[in-house]
Amino acid sequence: MSVSRKDFNSIAKVIDSSRRGYGGQDVLDTRAVLNGLVEYFGSENWNFDAEIFLACCGGSVGDRHADLLEEEVEQMFGGDTPLG
């Protein structure tokens, strides 16, 4: 299977949406990049194994779930939560 223009565009969108300003610098949120790639690859290939992919990237599925939980709490409560 070759990588198509659609794939390149989707990967570029994941990277662009993961940019964060930090101390006056433009940085990438690694977990956001990995989460975006997992979602995209999973939508394109039913055989995609997120656990293997994340392990190869130095992360884990647990990291993904923790990050998504943080995002859900922030969306529900607007960031002002007792959790910090």
PDB file of N, CA and C in Angstrom:
ATOM      1  N   MET A   1       0.837  -1.177   0.000  1.00  0.00           N
ATOM      2  CA  MET A   1       0.000   0.000   0.000  1.00  0.00           C
ATOM      3  C   MET A   1       0.881   1.239   0.000  1.00  0.00           C
ATOM      4  N   SER A   2       0.570   2.154  -0.870  1.00  0.00           N
ATOM      5  CA  SER A   2       1.348   3.394  -0.912  1.00  0.00           C
ATOM      6  C   SER A   2       0.595   4.501  -0.169  1.00  0.00           C
ATOM      7  N   VAL A   3       1.333   5.495   0.198  1.00  0.00           N
ATOM      8  CA  VAL A   3       0.750   6.634   0.911  1.00  0.00           C
ATOM      9  C   VAL A   3       0.225   7.617  -0.135  1.00  0.00           C
ATOM     10  N   SER A   4      -1.021   8.016   0.047  1.00  0.00           N
ATOM     11  CA  SER A   4      -1.660   8.894  -0.927  1.00  0.00           C
ATOM     12  C   SER A   4      -1.584  10.357  -0.491  1.00  0.00           C
ATOM     13  N   ARG A   5      -1.976  11.246  -1.393  1.00  0.00           N
ATOM     14  CA  ARG A   5      -2.048  12.667  -1.077  1.00  0.00           C
ATOM     15  C   ARG A   5      -2.999  12.891   0.097  1.00  0.00           C
ATOM     16  N   LYS A   6      -4.108  12.148   0.120  1.00  0.00           N
ATOM     17  CA  LYS A   6      -5.079  12.244   1.222  1.00  0.00           C
ATOM     18  C   LYS A   6      -4.396  11.908   2.551  1.00  0.00           C
ATOM     19  N   ASP A   7      -3.561  10.871   2.558  1.00  0.00           N
ATOM     20  CA  ASP A   7      -2.848  10.498   3.780  1.00  0.00           C
ATOM     21  C   ASP A   7      -1.911  11.614   4.226  1.00  0.00           C
ATOM     22  N   PHE A   8      -1.136  12.140   3.304  1.00  0.00           N
ATOM     23  CA  PHE A   8      -0.217  13.221   3.648  1.00  0.00           C
ATOM     24  C   PHE A   8      -0.978  14.429   4.205  1.00  0.00           C
ATOM     25  N   ASN A   9      -2.096  14.784   3.579  1.00  0.00           N
ATOM     26  CA  ASN A   9      -2.893  15.919   4.055  1.00  0.00           C
ATOM     27  C   ASN A   9      -3.452  15.661   5.448  1.00  0.00           C
ATOM     28  N   SER A  10      -3.930  14.445   5.684  1.00  0.00           N
ATOM     29  CA  SER A  10      -4.489  14.110   7.002  1.00  0.00           C
ATOM     30  C   SER A  10      -3.414  14.142   8.083  1.00  0.00           C
ATOM     31  N   ILE A  11      -2.248  13.619   7.783  1.00  0.00           N
ATOM     32  CA  ILE A  11      -1.139  13.622   8.748  1.00  0.00           C
ATOM     33  C   ILE A  11      -0.695  15.068   9.021  1.00  0.00           C
ATOM     34  N   ALA A  12      -0.645  15.881   7.981  1.00  0.00           N
ATOM     35  CA  ALA A  12      -0.275  17.291   8.163  1.00  0.00           C
ATOM     36  C   ALA A  12      -1.290  18.010   9.050  1.00  0.00           C
ATOM     37  N   LYS A  13      -2.585  17.702   8.893  1.00  0.00           N
ATOM     38  CA  LYS A  13      -3.615  18.315   9.742  1.00  0.00           C
ATOM     39  C   LYS A  13      -3.435  17.919  11.198  1.00  0.00           C
ATOM     40  N   VAL A  14      -3.100  16.641  11.443  1.00  0.00           N
ATOM     41  CA  VAL A  14      -2.865  16.176  12.813  1.00  0.00           C
ATOM     42  C   VAL A  14      -1.715  16.961  13.432  1.00  0.00           C
ATOM     43  N   ILE A  15      -0.635  17.101  12.695  1.00  0.00           N
ATOM     44  CA  ILE A  15       0.532  17.820  13.214  1.00  0.00           C
ATOM     45  C   ILE A  15       0.198  19.291  13.442  1.00  0.00           C
ATOM     46  N   ASP A  16      -0.471  19.916  12.480  1.00  0.00           N
ATOM     47  CA  ASP A  16      -0.814  21.332  12.616  1.00  0.00           C
ATOM     48  C   ASP A  16      -1.724  21.577  13.812  1.00  0.00           C
ATOM     49  N   SER A  17      -2.693  20.691  14.027  1.00  0.00           N
ATOM     50  CA  SER A  17      -3.625  20.884  15.150  1.00  0.00           C
ATOM     51  C   SER A  17      -2.991  20.570  16.506  1.00  0.00           C
ATOM     52  N   SER A  18      -1.773  20.025  16.489  1.00  0.00           N
ATOM     53  CA  SER A  18      -1.083  19.665  17.733  1.00  0.00           C
ATOM     54  C   SER A  18      -0.040  20.700  18.144  1.00  0.00           C
ATOM     55  N   ARG A  19       0.027  21.799  17.430  1.00  0.00           N
ATOM     56  CA  ARG A  19       0.984  22.860  17.767  1.00  0.00           C
ATOM     57  C   ARG A  19       0.498  23.611  19.000  1.00  0.00           C
ATOM     58  N   ARG A  20       1.424  23.910  19.878  1.00  0.00           N
ATOM     59  CA  ARG A  20       1.117  24.656  21.100  1.00  0.00           C
ATOM     60  C   ARG A  20       2.178  25.738  21.290  1.00  0.00           C
ATOM     61  N   GLY A  21       1.749  26.855  21.808  1.00  0.00           N
ATOM     62  CA  GLY A  21       2.701  27.893  22.171  1.00  0.00           C
ATOM     63  C   GLY A  21       3.226  27.607  23.572  1.00  0.00           C
ATOM     64  N   TYR A  22       4.526  27.647  23.741  1.00  0.00           N
ATOM     65  CA  TYR A  22       5.113  27.374  25.048  1.00  0.00           C
ATOM     66  C   TYR A  22       6.338  28.262  25.212  1.00  0.00           C
ATOM     67  N   GLY A  23       6.256  29.198  26.139  1.00  0.00           N
ATOM     68  CA  GLY A  23       7.393  30.083  26.397  1.00  0.00           C
ATOM     69  C   GLY A  23       7.825  30.863  25.173  1.00  0.00           C
ATOM     70  N   GLY A  24       6.855  31.278  24.353  1.00  0.00           N
ATOM     71  CA  GLY A  24       7.185  32.040  23.155  1.00  0.00           C
ATOM     72  C   GLY A  24       7.650  31.190  21.989  1.00  0.00           C
ATOM     73  N   GLN A  25       7.635  29.881  22.156  1.00  0.00           N
ATOM     74  CA  GLN A  25       8.061  28.978  21.088  1.00  0.00           C
ATOM     75  C   GLN A  25       6.884  28.135  20.614  1.00  0.00           C
ATOM     76  N   ASP A  26       6.974  27.712  19.375  1.00  0.00           N
ATOM     77  CA  ASP A  26       5.974  26.828  18.788  1.00  0.00           C
ATOM     78  C   ASP A  26       6.458  25.393  18.983  1.00  0.00           C
ATOM     79  N   VAL A  27       5.712  24.602  19.750  1.00  0.00           N
ATOM     80  CA  VAL A  27       6.097  23.213  20.007  1.00  0.00           C
ATOM     81  C   VAL A  27       4.944  22.279  19.630  1.00  0.00           C
ATOM     82  N   LEU A  28       5.262  21.004  19.465  1.00  0.00           N
ATOM     83  CA  LEU A  28       4.242  20.002  19.189  1.00  0.00           C
ATOM     84  C   LEU A  28       3.911  19.243  20.464  1.00  0.00           C
ATOM     85  N   ASP A  29       2.635  19.051  20.706  1.00  0.00           N
ATOM     86  CA  ASP A  29       2.162  18.230  21.815  1.00  0.00           C
ATOM     87  C   ASP A  29       2.221  16.780  21.337  1.00  0.00           C
ATOM     88  N   THR A  30       3.205  16.043  21.809  1.00  0.00           N
ATOM     89  CA  THR A  30       3.443  14.684  21.330  1.00  0.00           C
ATOM     90  C   THR A  30       2.224  13.790  21.509  1.00  0.00           C
ATOM     91  N   ARG A  31       1.579  13.885  22.674  1.00  0.00           N
ATOM     92  CA  ARG A  31       0.404  13.035  22.893  1.00  0.00           C
ATOM     93  C   ARG A  31      -0.718  13.387  21.929  1.00  0.00           C
ATOM     94  N   ALA A  32      -0.881  14.663  21.630  1.00  0.00           N
ATOM     95  CA  ALA A  32      -1.914  15.064  20.676  1.00  0.00           C
ATOM     96  C   ALA A  32      -1.604  14.524  19.278  1.00  0.00           C
ATOM     97  N   VAL A  33      -0.336  14.555  18.889  1.00  0.00           N
ATOM     98  CA  VAL A  33       0.063  13.995  17.587  1.00  0.00           C
ATOM     99  C   VAL A  33      -0.239  12.508  17.551  1.00  0.00           C
ATOM    100  N   LEU A  34       0.193  11.783  18.580  1.00  0.00           N
ATOM    101  CA  LEU A  34      -0.032  10.338  18.604  1.00  0.00           C
ATOM    102  C   LEU A  34      -1.515  10.003  18.629  1.00  0.00           C
ATOM    103  N   ASN A  35      -2.300  10.722  19.429  1.00  0.00           N
ATOM    104  CA  ASN A  35      -3.741  10.474  19.477  1.00  0.00           C
ATOM    105  C   ASN A  35      -4.379  10.719  18.112  1.00  0.00           C
ATOM    106  N   GLY A  36      -3.991  11.797  17.457  1.00  0.00           N
ATOM    107  CA  GLY A  36      -4.535  12.095  16.135  1.00  0.00           C
ATOM    108  C   GLY A  36      -4.166  11.049  15.107  1.00  0.00           C
ATOM    109  N   LEU A  37      -2.913  10.586  15.155  1.00  0.00           N
ATOM    110  CA  LEU A  37      -2.488   9.549  14.214  1.00  0.00           C
ATOM    111  C   LEU A  37      -3.203   8.234  14.475  1.00  0.00           C
ATOM    112  N   VAL A  38      -3.366   7.877  15.750  1.00  0.00           N
ATOM    113  CA  VAL A  38      -4.086   6.647  16.088  1.00  0.00           C
ATOM    114  C   VAL A  38      -5.515   6.710  15.543  1.00  0.00           C
ATOM    115  N   GLU A  39      -6.175   7.834  15.731  1.00  0.00           N
ATOM    116  CA  GLU A  39      -7.541   7.974  15.224  1.00  0.00           C
ATOM    117  C   GLU A  39      -7.576   7.859  13.707  1.00  0.00           C
ATOM    118  N   TYR A  40      -6.655   8.545  13.033  1.00  0.00           N
ATOM    119  CA  TYR A  40      -6.645   8.513  11.574  1.00  0.00           C
ATOM    120  C   TYR A  40      -6.306   7.120  11.052  1.00  0.00           C
ATOM    121  N   PHE A  41      -5.226   6.521  11.552  1.00  0.00           N
ATOM    122  CA  PHE A  41      -4.824   5.205  11.063  1.00  0.00           C
ATOM    123  C   PHE A  41      -5.912   4.164  11.331  1.00  0.00           C
ATOM    124  N   GLY A  42      -6.548   4.249  12.491  1.00  0.00           N
ATOM    125  CA  GLY A  42      -7.623   3.326  12.827  1.00  0.00           C
ATOM    126  C   GLY A  42      -8.824   3.477  11.903  1.00  0.00           C
ATOM    127  N   SER A  43      -9.094   4.705  11.482  1.00  0.00           N
ATOM    128  CA  SER A  43     -10.226   4.927  10.580  1.00  0.00           C
ATOM    129  C   SER A  43      -9.929   4.437   9.166  1.00  0.00           C
ATOM    130  N   GLU A  44      -8.656   4.369   8.819  1.00  0.00           N
ATOM    131  CA  GLU A  44      -8.261   3.953   7.478  1.00  0.00           C
ATOM    132  C   GLU A  44      -8.004   2.447   7.359  1.00  0.00           C
ATOM    133  N   ASN A  45      -7.702   1.810   8.491  1.00  0.00           N
ATOM    134  CA  ASN A  45      -7.324   0.396   8.439  1.00  0.00           C
ATOM    135  C   ASN A  45      -7.874  -0.316   9.667  1.00  0.00           C
ATOM    136  N   TRP A  46      -8.849  -1.201   9.449  1.00  0.00           N
ATOM    137  CA  TRP A  46      -9.477  -1.927  10.559  1.00  0.00           C
ATOM    138  C   TRP A  46      -8.484  -2.814  11.290  1.00  0.00           C
ATOM    139  N   ASN A  47      -7.387  -3.193  10.636  1.00  0.00           N
ATOM    140  CA  ASN A  47      -6.383  -4.051  11.261  1.00  0.00           C
ATOM    141  C   ASN A  47      -5.323  -3.271  12.030  1.00  0.00           C
ATOM    142  N   PHE A  48      -5.415  -1.960  12.003  1.00  0.00           N
ATOM    143  CA  PHE A  48      -4.441  -1.130  12.712  1.00  0.00           C
ATOM    144  C   PHE A  48      -4.496  -1.433  14.201  1.00  0.00           C
ATOM    145  N   ASP A  49      -3.331  -1.665  14.808  1.00  0.00           N
ATOM    146  CA  ASP A  49      -3.250  -1.987  16.232  1.00  0.00           C
ATOM    147  C   ASP A  49      -2.641  -0.793  16.967  1.00  0.00           C
ATOM    148  N   ALA A  50      -3.480  -0.028  17.631  1.00  0.00           N
ATOM    149  CA  ALA A  50      -3.034   1.179  18.340  1.00  0.00           C
ATOM    150  C   ALA A  50      -2.026   0.852  19.421  1.00  0.00           C
ATOM    151  N   GLU A  51      -2.210  -0.273  20.101  1.00  0.00           N
ATOM    152  CA  GLU A  51      -1.304  -0.639  21.185  1.00  0.00           C
ATOM    153  C   GLU A  51       0.114  -0.869  20.672  1.00  0.00           C
ATOM    154  N   ILE A  52       0.239  -1.582  19.571  1.00  0.00           N
ATOM    155  CA  ILE A  52       1.568  -1.833  18.992  1.00  0.00           C
ATOM    156  C   ILE A  52       2.175  -0.526  18.494  1.00  0.00           C
ATOM    157  N   PHE A  53       1.375   0.282  17.802  1.00  0.00           N
ATOM    158  CA  PHE A  53       1.863   1.554  17.277  1.00  0.00           C
ATOM    159  C   PHE A  53       2.375   2.450  18.400  1.00  0.00           C
ATOM    160  N   LEU A  54       1.573   2.616  19.449  1.00  0.00           N
ATOM    161  CA  LEU A  54       1.976   3.480  20.561  1.00  0.00           C
ATOM    162  C   LEU A  54       3.199   2.927  21.288  1.00  0.00           C
ATOM    163  N   ALA A  55       3.282   1.617  21.432  1.00  0.00           N
ATOM    164  CA  ALA A  55       4.456   1.011  22.074  1.00  0.00           C
ATOM    165  C   ALA A  55       5.715   1.299  21.245  1.00  0.00           C
ATOM    166  N   CYS A  56       5.601   1.222  19.929  1.00  0.00           N
ATOM    167  CA  CYS A  56       6.741   1.519  19.058  1.00  0.00           C
ATOM    168  C   CYS A  56       7.147   2.989  19.132  1.00  0.00           C
ATOM    169  N   CYS A  57       6.198   3.844  19.473  1.00  0.00           N
ATOM    170  CA  CYS A  57       6.471   5.283  19.609  1.00  0.00           C
ATOM    171  C   CYS A  57       6.925   5.653  21.021  1.00  0.00           C
ATOM    172  N   GLY A  58       7.004   4.669  21.906  1.00  0.00           N
ATOM    173  CA  GLY A  58       7.441   4.925  23.272  1.00  0.00           C
ATOM    174  C   GLY A  58       6.318   5.273  24.221  1.00  0.00           C
ATOM    175  N   GLY A  59       5.087   5.078  23.814  1.00  0.00           N
ATOM    176  CA  GLY A  59       3.942   5.384  24.670  1.00  0.00           C
ATOM    177  C   GLY A  59       3.151   4.132  24.960  1.00  0.00           C
ATOM    178  N   SER A  60       1.920   4.330  25.419  1.00  0.00           N
ATOM    179  CA  SER A  60       1.052   3.203  25.698  1.00  0.00           C
ATOM    180  C   SER A  60      -0.398   3.620  25.512  1.00  0.00           C
ATOM    181  N   VAL A  61      -1.270   2.647  25.407  1.00  0.00           N
ATOM    182  CA  VAL A  61      -2.687   2.931  25.288  1.00  0.00           C
ATOM    183  C   VAL A  61      -3.181   3.656  26.537  1.00  0.00           C
ATOM    184  N   GLY A  62      -2.610   3.339  27.692  1.00  0.00           N
ATOM    185  CA  GLY A  62      -2.975   4.023  28.931  1.00  0.00           C
ATOM    186  C   GLY A  62      -2.715   5.512  28.849  1.00  0.00           C
ATOM    187  N   ASP A  63      -1.606   5.913  28.215  1.00  0.00           N
ATOM    188  CA  ASP A  63      -1.317   7.336  28.018  1.00  0.00           C
ATOM    189  C   ASP A  63      -2.402   7.983  27.173  1.00  0.00           C
ATOM    190  N   ARG A  64      -2.833   7.277  26.146  1.00  0.00           N
ATOM    191  CA  ARG A  64      -3.869   7.810  25.251  1.00  0.00           C
ATOM    192  C   ARG A  64      -5.170   8.011  26.013  1.00  0.00           C
ATOM    193  N   HIS A  65      -5.560   7.010  26.812  1.00  0.00           N
ATOM    194  CA  HIS A  65      -6.812   7.116  27.545  1.00  0.00           C
ATOM    195  C   HIS A  65      -6.752   8.238  28.577  1.00  0.00           C
ATOM    196  N   ALA A  66      -5.635   8.410  29.239  1.00  0.00           N
ATOM    197  CA  ALA A  66      -5.500   9.485  30.228  1.00  0.00           C
ATOM    198  C   ALA A  66      -5.610  10.844  29.558  1.00  0.00           C
ATOM    199  N   ASP A  67      -4.984  10.982  28.390  1.00  0.00           N
ATOM    200  CA  ASP A  67      -5.030  12.248  27.670  1.00  0.00           C
ATOM    201  C   ASP A  67      -6.439  12.553  27.195  1.00  0.00           C
ATOM    202  N   LEU A  68      -7.143  11.548  26.679  1.00  0.00           N
ATOM    203  CA  LEU A  68      -8.509  11.762  26.218  1.00  0.00           C
ATOM    204  C   LEU A  68      -9.427  12.105  27.380  1.00  0.00           C
ATOM    205  N   LEU A  69      -9.208  11.498  28.534  1.00  0.00           N
ATOM    206  CA  LEU A  69     -10.010  11.804  29.709  1.00  0.00           C
ATOM    207  C   LEU A  69      -9.813  13.259  30.120  1.00  0.00           C
ATOM    208  N   GLU A  70      -8.573  13.724  30.106  1.00  0.00           N
ATOM    209  CA  GLU A  70      -8.290  15.123  30.431  1.00  0.00           C
ATOM    210  C   GLU A  70      -9.028  16.056  29.473  1.00  0.00           C
ATOM    211  N   GLU A  71      -9.022  15.727  28.171  1.00  0.00           N
ATOM    212  CA  GLU A  71      -9.700  16.551  27.181  1.00  0.00           C
ATOM    213  C   GLU A  71     -11.210  16.570  27.423  1.00  0.00           C
ATOM    214  N   GLU A  72     -11.784  15.417  27.747  1.00  0.00           N
ATOM    215  CA  GLU A  72     -13.218  15.346  28.002  1.00  0.00           C
ATOM    216  C   GLU A  72     -13.607  16.177  29.215  1.00  0.00           C
ATOM    217  N   VAL A  73     -12.817  16.115  30.276  1.00  0.00           N
ATOM    218  CA  VAL A  73     -13.101  16.902  31.480  1.00  0.00           C
ATOM    219  C   VAL A  73     -13.018  18.385  31.149  1.00  0.00           C
ATOM    220  N   GLU A  74     -12.015  18.776  30.386  1.00  0.00           N
ATOM    221  CA  GLU A  74     -11.863  20.185  30.031  1.00  0.00           C
ATOM    222  C   GLU A  74     -13.041  20.658  29.178  1.00  0.00           C
ATOM    223  N   GLN A  75     -13.488  19.830  28.242  1.00  0.00           N
ATOM    224  CA  GLN A  75     -14.635  20.199  27.414  1.00  0.00           C
ATOM    225  C   GLN A  75     -15.910  20.317  28.253  1.00  0.00           C
ATOM    226  N   MET A  76     -16.071  19.419  29.204  1.00  0.00           N
ATOM    227  CA  MET A  76     -17.288  19.420  30.026  1.00  0.00           C
ATOM    228  C   MET A  76     -17.315  20.610  30.985  1.00  0.00           C
ATOM    229  N   PHE A  77     -16.145  20.958  31.545  1.00  0.00           N
ATOM    230  CA  PHE A  77     -16.112  21.956  32.613  1.00  0.00           C
ATOM    231  C   PHE A  77     -15.353  23.224  32.254  1.00  0.00           C
ATOM    232  N   GLY A  78     -14.856  23.314  31.037  1.00  0.00           N
ATOM    233  CA  GLY A  78     -14.179  24.515  30.594  1.00  0.00           C
ATOM    234  C   GLY A  78     -12.835  24.756  31.227  1.00  0.00           C
ATOM    235  N   GLY A  79     -12.190  23.737  31.729  1.00  0.00           N
ATOM    236  CA  GLY A  79     -10.871  23.868  32.301  1.00  0.00           C
ATOM    237  C   GLY A  79     -10.828  24.243  33.760  1.00  0.00           C
ATOM    238  N   ASP A  80     -11.893  24.810  34.318  1.00  0.00           N
ATOM    239  CA  ASP A  80     -11.931  25.158  35.735  1.00  0.00           C
ATOM    240  C   ASP A  80     -12.531  23.992  36.508  1.00  0.00           C
ATOM    241  N   THR A  81     -11.667  23.066  36.885  1.00  0.00           N
ATOM    242  CA  THR A  81     -12.137  21.873  37.582  1.00  0.00           C
ATOM    243  C   THR A  81     -11.377  21.706  38.880  1.00  0.00           C
ATOM    244  N   PRO A  82     -11.937  20.965  39.791  1.00  0.00           N
ATOM    245  CA  PRO A  82     -11.217  20.691  41.029  1.00  0.00           C
ATOM    246  C   PRO A  82      -9.972  19.839  40.809  1.00  0.00           C
ATOM    247  N   LEU A  83      -9.866  19.245  39.585  1.00  0.00           N
ATOM    248  CA  LEU A  83      -8.706  18.394  39.285  1.00  0.00           C
ATOM    249  C   LEU A  83      -7.504  19.227  38.880  1.00  0.00           C
ATOM    250  N   GLY A  84      -7.691  20.502  38.653  1.00  0.00           N
ATOM    251  CA  GLY A  84      -6.570  21.365  38.319  1.00  0.00           C
ATOM    252  C   GLY A  84      -6.665  21.841  36.945  1.00  0.00           C
TER     253      GLY A  84
END
